Amino acid sequence: MTAEQQVQEVIDRETRAWTERSTDLLLSVFHPDMVWVWPTDTRNYDPISWNLPQGKFDHAKYLKIYSGWFAKFELIHNNRITQKLTLTAEKDGAFAVVDIDTLWRSKDGEESHWFGRTGKTYVQTPQGWKMINQVGVFNF
């Protein structure tokens, strides 16, 4: 597989993880230094007010977060399209632009709709490609 195909496989694996509600599959995507940066809403393009809702990747903490999420929410749909995939000249880093439309609903009717465009950064590691950063979803 080419480097581009390997990174796309990680993107697709993350999509499968959400669809299958699989914490093991989801956690396999993350680099040990993964950090989520999230805007306060999907139209807040100014990073001055963005936050770090989960902190740096910690397997036990993320397992608890996502196990809780999957226990609370049912997946209604999960549509994702890779719009752009760029690799460094050295093929050791990558950046993907992914459009997502993921809708979750709890038993009591609470909805969480992840809709818009996100940027994901990947690095090549001895364990394969891993996502090291994602900037939360924007609606352009």
N, C-alpha and C. Protein backbone atom coordinates (compact mmCIF):
# COMPACT_ATOMS: atom_id res chain seq x y z
N MET A 1 0.84 -1.19 0.00
CA MET A 1 0.00 0.00 0.00
C MET A 1 0.88 1.25 0.00
N THR A 2 0.42 2.27 -0.70
CA THR A 2 1.13 3.55 -0.67
C THR A 2 0.88 4.24 0.67
N ALA A 3 1.67 5.24 0.97
CA ALA A 3 1.48 6.01 2.20
C ALA A 3 0.08 6.64 2.22
N GLU A 4 -0.36 7.17 1.08
CA GLU A 4 -1.69 7.76 1.00
C GLU A 4 -2.77 6.74 1.33
N GLN A 5 -2.63 5.53 0.82
CA GLN A 5 -3.60 4.47 1.10
C GLN A 5 -3.57 4.07 2.57
N GLN A 6 -2.38 4.07 3.16
CA GLN A 6 -2.26 3.73 4.58
C GLN A 6 -2.96 4.76 5.46
N VAL A 7 -2.79 6.04 5.13
CA VAL A 7 -3.46 7.09 5.91
C VAL A 7 -4.97 6.99 5.69
N GLN A 8 -5.40 6.77 4.46
CA GLN A 8 -6.83 6.64 4.20
C GLN A 8 -7.41 5.45 4.98
N GLU A 9 -6.63 4.40 5.13
CA GLU A 9 -7.09 3.25 5.92
C GLU A 9 -7.35 3.66 7.37
N VAL A 10 -6.51 4.53 7.93
CA VAL A 10 -6.72 5.00 9.30
C VAL A 10 -7.98 5.85 9.37
N ILE A 11 -8.18 6.71 8.39
CA ILE A 11 -9.40 7.53 8.33
C ILE A 11 -10.63 6.61 8.27
N ASP A 12 -10.57 5.61 7.41
CA ASP A 12 -11.68 4.67 7.26
C ASP A 12 -11.88 3.83 8.53
N ARG A 13 -10.79 3.49 9.20
CA ARG A 13 -10.89 2.73 10.45
C ARG A 13 -11.60 3.55 11.51
N GLU A 14 -11.29 4.84 11.58
CA GLU A 14 -11.98 5.70 12.55
C GLU A 14 -13.48 5.73 12.23
N THR A 15 -13.82 5.87 10.95
CA THR A 15 -15.23 5.87 10.55
C THR A 15 -15.90 4.57 10.97
N ARG A 16 -15.25 3.45 10.71
CA ARG A 16 -15.80 2.14 11.12
C ARG A 16 -15.96 2.06 12.62
N ALA A 17 -14.99 2.61 13.36
CA ALA A 17 -15.06 2.57 14.82
C ALA A 17 -16.31 3.29 15.33
N TRP A 18 -16.60 4.46 14.78
CA TRP A 18 -17.82 5.18 15.20
C TRP A 18 -19.05 4.39 14.79
N THR A 19 -19.06 3.88 13.55
CA THR A 19 -20.23 3.15 13.06
C THR A 19 -20.48 1.89 13.88
N GLU A 20 -19.41 1.17 14.20
CA GLU A 20 -19.53 -0.08 14.96
C GLU A 20 -19.56 0.16 16.46
N ARG A 21 -19.36 1.42 16.87
CA ARG A 21 -19.32 1.79 18.28
C ARG A 21 -18.27 0.94 19.02
N SER A 22 -17.08 0.87 18.41
CA SER A 22 -16.00 0.03 18.92
C SER A 22 -14.90 0.89 19.54
N THR A 23 -14.79 0.85 20.86
CA THR A 23 -13.74 1.62 21.52
C THR A 23 -12.36 1.10 21.14
N ASP A 24 -12.20 -0.21 21.03
CA ASP A 24 -10.89 -0.76 20.68
C ASP A 24 -10.43 -0.26 19.32
N LEU A 25 -11.32 -0.29 18.35
CA LEU A 25 -10.98 0.18 17.01
C LEU A 25 -10.69 1.68 17.03
N LEU A 26 -11.51 2.44 17.75
CA LEU A 26 -11.31 3.89 17.82
C LEU A 26 -9.97 4.24 18.47
N LEU A 27 -9.67 3.62 19.57
CA LEU A 27 -8.43 3.93 20.29
C LEU A 27 -7.19 3.51 19.49
N SER A 28 -7.34 2.57 18.57
CA SER A 28 -6.20 2.14 17.74
C SER A 28 -5.76 3.22 16.76
N VAL A 29 -6.60 4.22 16.55
CA VAL A 29 -6.30 5.30 15.61
C VAL A 29 -5.40 6.36 16.23
N PHE A 30 -5.46 6.52 17.54
CA PHE A 30 -4.84 7.66 18.22
C PHE A 30 -3.36 7.45 18.54
N HIS A 31 -2.58 8.48 18.28
CA HIS A 31 -1.18 8.54 18.70
C HIS A 31 -1.16 8.78 20.22
N PRO A 32 -0.15 8.28 20.94
CA PRO A 32 -0.08 8.53 22.38
C PRO A 32 -0.03 10.01 22.76
N ASP A 33 0.35 10.88 21.83
CA ASP A 33 0.39 12.32 22.09
C ASP A 33 -0.80 13.06 21.47
N MET A 34 -1.85 12.32 21.11
CA MET A 34 -3.05 12.91 20.49
C MET A 34 -3.64 14.00 21.38
N VAL A 35 -4.03 15.11 20.73
CA VAL A 35 -4.72 16.20 21.41
C VAL A 35 -5.87 16.66 20.51
N TRP A 36 -7.06 16.78 21.10
CA TRP A 36 -8.22 17.32 20.39
C TRP A 36 -8.31 18.81 20.67
N VAL A 37 -8.49 19.59 19.63
CA VAL A 37 -8.74 21.02 19.77
C VAL A 37 -10.15 21.25 19.24
N TRP A 38 -10.99 21.86 20.06
CA TRP A 38 -12.38 21.96 19.69
C TRP A 38 -12.89 23.39 19.77
N PRO A 39 -13.55 23.88 18.71
CA PRO A 39 -14.15 25.21 18.77
C PRO A 39 -15.41 25.18 19.65
N THR A 40 -15.82 26.35 20.11
CA THR A 40 -17.02 26.41 20.95
C THR A 40 -18.29 26.16 20.16
N ASP A 41 -18.26 26.40 18.85
CA ASP A 41 -19.36 26.03 17.97
C ASP A 41 -18.82 25.92 16.54
N THR A 42 -19.64 25.41 15.64
CA THR A 42 -19.18 25.08 14.30
C THR A 42 -18.91 26.28 13.40
N ARG A 43 -19.22 27.47 13.88
CA ARG A 43 -18.94 28.68 13.10
C ARG A 43 -17.90 29.57 13.78
N ASN A 44 -17.31 29.08 14.85
CA ASN A 44 -16.30 29.86 15.58
C ASN A 44 -14.92 29.54 15.04
N TYR A 45 -14.52 30.26 14.00
CA TYR A 45 -13.25 30.02 13.33
C TYR A 45 -12.06 30.66 14.04
N ASP A 46 -12.32 31.49 15.03
CA ASP A 46 -11.26 32.19 15.76
C ASP A 46 -10.72 31.29 16.87
N PRO A 47 -9.47 30.84 16.77
CA PRO A 47 -8.93 29.90 17.75
C PRO A 47 -8.74 30.48 19.15
N ILE A 48 -8.93 31.77 19.35
CA ILE A 48 -8.73 32.37 20.67
C ILE A 48 -9.66 31.73 21.71
N SER A 49 -10.82 31.26 21.29
CA SER A 49 -11.78 30.70 22.26
C SER A 49 -11.91 29.18 22.20
N TRP A 50 -11.11 28.53 21.38
CA TRP A 50 -11.19 27.07 21.30
C TRP A 50 -10.70 26.46 22.61
N ASN A 51 -11.03 25.20 22.82
CA ASN A 51 -10.62 24.55 24.06
C ASN A 51 -10.09 23.14 23.80
N LEU A 52 -9.61 22.55 24.85
CA LEU A 52 -9.08 21.18 24.82
C LEU A 52 -9.97 20.33 25.73
N PRO A 53 -11.08 19.82 25.21
CA PRO A 53 -12.08 19.18 26.06
C PRO A 53 -11.66 17.87 26.72
N GLN A 54 -10.70 17.16 26.16
CA GLN A 54 -10.34 15.86 26.70
C GLN A 54 -8.88 15.77 27.11
N GLY A 55 -8.10 16.74 26.77
CA GLY A 55 -6.68 16.66 27.10
C GLY A 55 -5.95 15.65 26.25
N LYS A 56 -4.69 15.48 26.55
CA LYS A 56 -3.83 14.55 25.82
C LYS A 56 -4.34 13.12 25.97
N PHE A 57 -4.13 12.33 24.93
CA PHE A 57 -4.59 10.95 24.92
C PHE A 57 -4.08 10.18 26.13
N ASP A 58 -4.99 9.51 26.78
CA ASP A 58 -4.70 8.58 27.86
C ASP A 58 -5.64 7.40 27.64
N HIS A 59 -5.09 6.23 27.42
CA HIS A 59 -5.90 5.08 27.02
C HIS A 59 -7.06 4.82 27.98
N ALA A 60 -6.78 4.77 29.28
CA ALA A 60 -7.83 4.47 30.25
C ALA A 60 -8.90 5.57 30.26
N LYS A 61 -8.47 6.82 30.22
CA LYS A 61 -9.42 7.93 30.23
C LYS A 61 -10.28 7.93 28.98
N TYR A 62 -9.66 7.77 27.81
CA TYR A 62 -10.41 7.77 26.56
C TYR A 62 -11.34 6.55 26.48
N LEU A 63 -10.89 5.41 26.98
CA LEU A 63 -11.73 4.22 27.01
C LEU A 63 -13.00 4.50 27.81
N LYS A 64 -12.86 5.14 28.94
CA LYS A 64 -14.01 5.48 29.79
C LYS A 64 -14.93 6.48 29.08
N ILE A 65 -14.34 7.51 28.47
CA ILE A 65 -15.13 8.52 27.78
C ILE A 65 -15.95 7.89 26.66
N TYR A 66 -15.30 7.11 25.80
CA TYR A 66 -16.01 6.59 24.64
C TYR A 66 -16.91 5.41 24.98
N SER A 67 -16.57 4.62 25.97
CA SER A 67 -17.49 3.57 26.43
C SER A 67 -18.77 4.20 26.95
N GLY A 68 -18.62 5.29 27.70
CA GLY A 68 -19.78 6.02 28.20
C GLY A 68 -20.60 6.61 27.08
N TRP A 69 -19.92 7.17 26.08
CA TRP A 69 -20.62 7.74 24.93
C TRP A 69 -21.43 6.67 24.21
N PHE A 70 -20.79 5.53 23.92
CA PHE A 70 -21.47 4.47 23.19
C PHE A 70 -22.61 3.86 24.00
N ALA A 71 -22.51 3.86 25.33
CA ALA A 71 -23.58 3.35 26.17
C ALA A 71 -24.78 4.31 26.17
N LYS A 72 -24.50 5.60 26.06
CA LYS A 72 -25.56 6.61 26.14
C LYS A 72 -26.25 6.84 24.80
N PHE A 73 -25.49 6.84 23.70
CA PHE A 73 -26.02 7.26 22.41
C PHE A 73 -26.12 6.12 21.40
N GLU A 74 -27.18 6.18 20.61
CA GLU A 74 -27.35 5.29 19.46
C GLU A 74 -26.92 6.08 18.22
N LEU A 75 -26.24 5.43 17.32
CA LEU A 75 -25.82 6.08 16.08
C LEU A 75 -26.98 6.06 15.09
N ILE A 76 -27.36 7.23 14.61
CA ILE A 76 -28.42 7.34 13.60
C ILE A 76 -27.81 7.24 12.20
N HIS A 77 -26.75 8.01 11.96
CA HIS A 77 -26.01 7.86 10.70
C HIS A 77 -24.59 8.40 10.88
N ASN A 78 -23.70 7.94 10.02
CA ASN A 78 -22.29 8.33 10.08
C ASN A 78 -21.73 8.37 8.66
N ASN A 79 -21.78 9.56 8.06
CA ASN A 79 -21.30 9.73 6.69
C ASN A 79 -20.05 10.60 6.72
N ARG A 80 -18.99 10.11 6.11
CA ARG A 80 -17.72 10.83 6.09
C ARG A 80 -17.08 10.73 4.71
N ILE A 81 -16.56 11.86 4.24
CA ILE A 81 -15.92 11.90 2.94
C ILE A 81 -14.58 12.61 3.09
N THR A 82 -13.51 11.96 2.68
CA THR A 82 -12.20 12.59 2.67
C THR A 82 -12.15 13.52 1.46
N GLN A 83 -11.99 14.82 1.73
CA GLN A 83 -11.96 15.82 0.67
C GLN A 83 -10.54 16.09 0.18
N LYS A 84 -9.57 15.92 1.07
CA LYS A 84 -8.18 16.22 0.72
C LYS A 84 -7.28 15.36 1.60
N LEU A 85 -6.21 14.87 1.02
CA LEU A 85 -5.22 14.11 1.77
C LEU A 85 -3.85 14.49 1.24
N THR A 86 -3.03 15.10 2.09
CA THR A 86 -1.72 15.59 1.70
C THR A 86 -0.67 14.98 2.61
N LEU A 87 0.44 14.53 2.02
CA LEU A 87 1.55 13.99 2.79
C LEU A 87 2.75 14.90 2.70
N THR A 88 3.60 14.87 3.72
CA THR A 88 4.85 15.59 3.67
C THR A 88 5.74 14.96 2.59
N ALA A 89 6.73 15.70 2.14
CA ALA A 89 7.65 15.19 1.13
C ALA A 89 8.34 13.92 1.62
N GLU A 90 8.58 13.85 2.94
CA GLU A 90 9.26 12.69 3.53
C GLU A 90 8.32 11.51 3.78
N LYS A 91 7.02 11.73 3.56
CA LYS A 91 6.00 10.70 3.79
C LYS A 91 5.97 10.23 5.25
N ASP A 92 6.21 11.17 6.17
CA ASP A 92 6.16 10.83 7.60
C ASP A 92 5.08 11.61 8.35
N GLY A 93 4.37 12.47 7.65
CA GLY A 93 3.28 13.25 8.22
C GLY A 93 2.21 13.43 7.16
N ALA A 94 0.96 13.57 7.61
CA ALA A 94 -0.14 13.74 6.68
C ALA A 94 -1.20 14.64 7.28
N PHE A 95 -1.95 15.29 6.40
CA PHE A 95 -3.07 16.12 6.81
C PHE A 95 -4.26 15.76 5.94
N ALA A 96 -5.40 15.51 6.58
CA ALA A 96 -6.62 15.17 5.86
C ALA A 96 -7.72 16.15 6.21
N VAL A 97 -8.49 16.50 5.20
CA VAL A 97 -9.70 17.29 5.39
C VAL A 97 -10.86 16.32 5.17
N VAL A 98 -11.70 16.19 6.19
CA VAL A 98 -12.78 15.22 6.14
C VAL A 98 -14.10 15.92 6.45
N ASP A 99 -15.07 15.75 5.57
CA ASP A 99 -16.43 16.23 5.83
C ASP A 99 -17.17 15.13 6.57
N ILE A 100 -17.81 15.53 7.67
CA ILE A 100 -18.52 14.53 8.46
C ILE A 100 -19.97 14.94 8.69
N ASP A 101 -20.81 13.95 8.79
CA ASP A 101 -22.21 14.11 9.15
C ASP A 101 -22.57 12.90 10.00
N THR A 102 -22.40 13.06 11.30
CA THR A 102 -22.61 11.97 12.24
C THR A 102 -23.65 12.41 13.26
N LEU A 103 -24.74 11.66 13.34
CA LEU A 103 -25.84 12.00 14.23
C LEU A 103 -26.03 10.91 15.27
N TRP A 104 -26.03 11.33 16.53
CA TRP A 104 -26.24 10.45 17.67
C TRP A 104 -27.53 10.86 18.37
N ARG A 105 -28.23 9.87 18.96
CA ARG A 105 -29.44 10.17 19.74
C ARG A 105 -29.47 9.27 20.97
N SER A 106 -29.72 9.89 22.12
CA SER A 106 -29.83 9.12 23.36
C SER A 106 -31.25 8.57 23.51
N LYS A 107 -31.42 7.69 24.47
CA LYS A 107 -32.75 7.10 24.72
C LYS A 107 -33.77 8.15 25.13
N ASP A 108 -33.31 9.24 25.76
CA ASP A 108 -34.24 10.30 26.18
C ASP A 108 -34.40 11.39 25.11
N GLY A 109 -33.86 11.16 23.90
CA GLY A 109 -34.08 12.08 22.79
C GLY A 109 -33.01 13.14 22.60
N GLU A 110 -32.00 13.18 23.46
CA GLU A 110 -30.92 14.15 23.29
C GLU A 110 -30.15 13.81 22.02
N GLU A 111 -29.88 14.82 21.20
CA GLU A 111 -29.12 14.61 19.97
C GLU A 111 -27.78 15.31 20.02
N SER A 112 -26.80 14.70 19.38
CA SER A 112 -25.50 15.30 19.18
C SER A 112 -25.17 15.11 17.71
N HIS A 113 -25.11 16.23 16.99
CA HIS A 113 -24.90 16.16 15.54
C HIS A 113 -23.54 16.76 15.22
N TRP A 114 -22.65 15.93 14.74
CA TRP A 114 -21.33 16.37 14.31
C TRP A 114 -21.42 16.57 12.81
N PHE A 115 -21.47 17.83 12.39
CA PHE A 115 -21.70 18.13 10.99
C PHE A 115 -20.77 19.24 10.54
N GLY A 116 -19.99 18.97 9.52
CA GLY A 116 -19.12 20.00 8.98
C GLY A 116 -17.81 19.41 8.51
N ARG A 117 -16.80 20.26 8.54
CA ARG A 117 -15.47 19.91 8.01
C ARG A 117 -14.46 19.94 9.15
N THR A 118 -13.57 18.96 9.13
CA THR A 118 -12.54 18.88 10.15
C THR A 118 -11.18 18.64 9.51
N GLY A 119 -10.14 19.04 10.22
CA GLY A 119 -8.77 18.78 9.79
C GLY A 119 -8.13 17.78 10.74
N LYS A 120 -7.51 16.77 10.20
CA LYS A 120 -6.89 15.71 10.99
C LYS A 120 -5.42 15.59 10.59
N THR A 121 -4.55 15.53 11.58
CA THR A 121 -3.12 15.41 11.34
C THR A 121 -2.65 14.03 11.78
N TYR A 122 -1.84 13.41 10.94
CA TYR A 122 -1.34 12.05 11.18
C TYR A 122 0.18 12.03 11.12
N VAL A 123 0.77 11.11 11.86
CA VAL A 123 2.21 10.90 11.81
C VAL A 123 2.50 9.41 11.64
N GLN A 124 3.60 9.13 10.95
CA GLN A 124 4.06 7.76 10.77
C GLN A 124 4.81 7.36 12.02
N THR A 125 4.48 6.21 12.59
CA THR A 125 5.14 5.70 13.79
C THR A 125 5.58 4.26 13.51
N PRO A 126 6.39 3.67 14.39
CA PRO A 126 6.74 2.26 14.21
C PRO A 126 5.51 1.34 14.23
N GLN A 127 4.40 1.81 14.82
CA GLN A 127 3.16 1.03 14.87
C GLN A 127 2.22 1.36 13.71
N GLY A 128 2.69 2.16 12.76
CA GLY A 128 1.85 2.57 11.64
C GLY A 128 1.42 4.02 11.79
N TRP A 129 0.53 4.45 10.92
CA TRP A 129 0.04 5.83 10.96
C TRP A 129 -0.92 6.01 12.13
N LYS A 130 -0.78 7.15 12.83
CA LYS A 130 -1.63 7.47 13.97
C LYS A 130 -2.08 8.93 13.87
N MET A 131 -3.31 9.19 14.29
CA MET A 131 -3.81 10.56 14.34
C MET A 131 -3.25 11.24 15.59
N ILE A 132 -2.60 12.38 15.40
CA ILE A 132 -1.98 13.09 16.51
C ILE A 132 -2.74 14.37 16.88
N ASN A 133 -3.59 14.84 15.96
CA ASN A 133 -4.34 16.06 16.23
C ASN A 133 -5.57 16.10 15.36
N GLN A 134 -6.63 16.66 15.92
CA GLN A 134 -7.81 16.97 15.12
C GLN A 134 -8.38 18.27 15.63
N VAL A 135 -8.70 19.15 14.70
CA VAL A 135 -9.41 20.38 15.03
C VAL A 135 -10.88 20.08 14.79
N GLY A 136 -11.68 20.37 15.80
CA GLY A 136 -13.10 20.05 15.76
C GLY A 136 -13.85 20.58 14.55
N VAL A 137 -15.03 20.16 14.41
CA VAL A 137 -15.84 20.33 13.22
C VAL A 137 -16.27 21.79 13.00
N PHE A 138 -16.11 22.25 11.76
CA PHE A 138 -16.55 23.57 11.35
C PHE A 138 -17.58 23.44 10.24
N ASN A 139 -18.55 24.32 10.25
CA ASN A 139 -19.55 24.36 9.20
C ASN A 139 -19.23 25.52 8.27
N PHE A 140 -18.68 25.22 7.11
CA PHE A 140 -18.30 26.24 6.14
C PHE A 140 -19.42 26.51 5.17
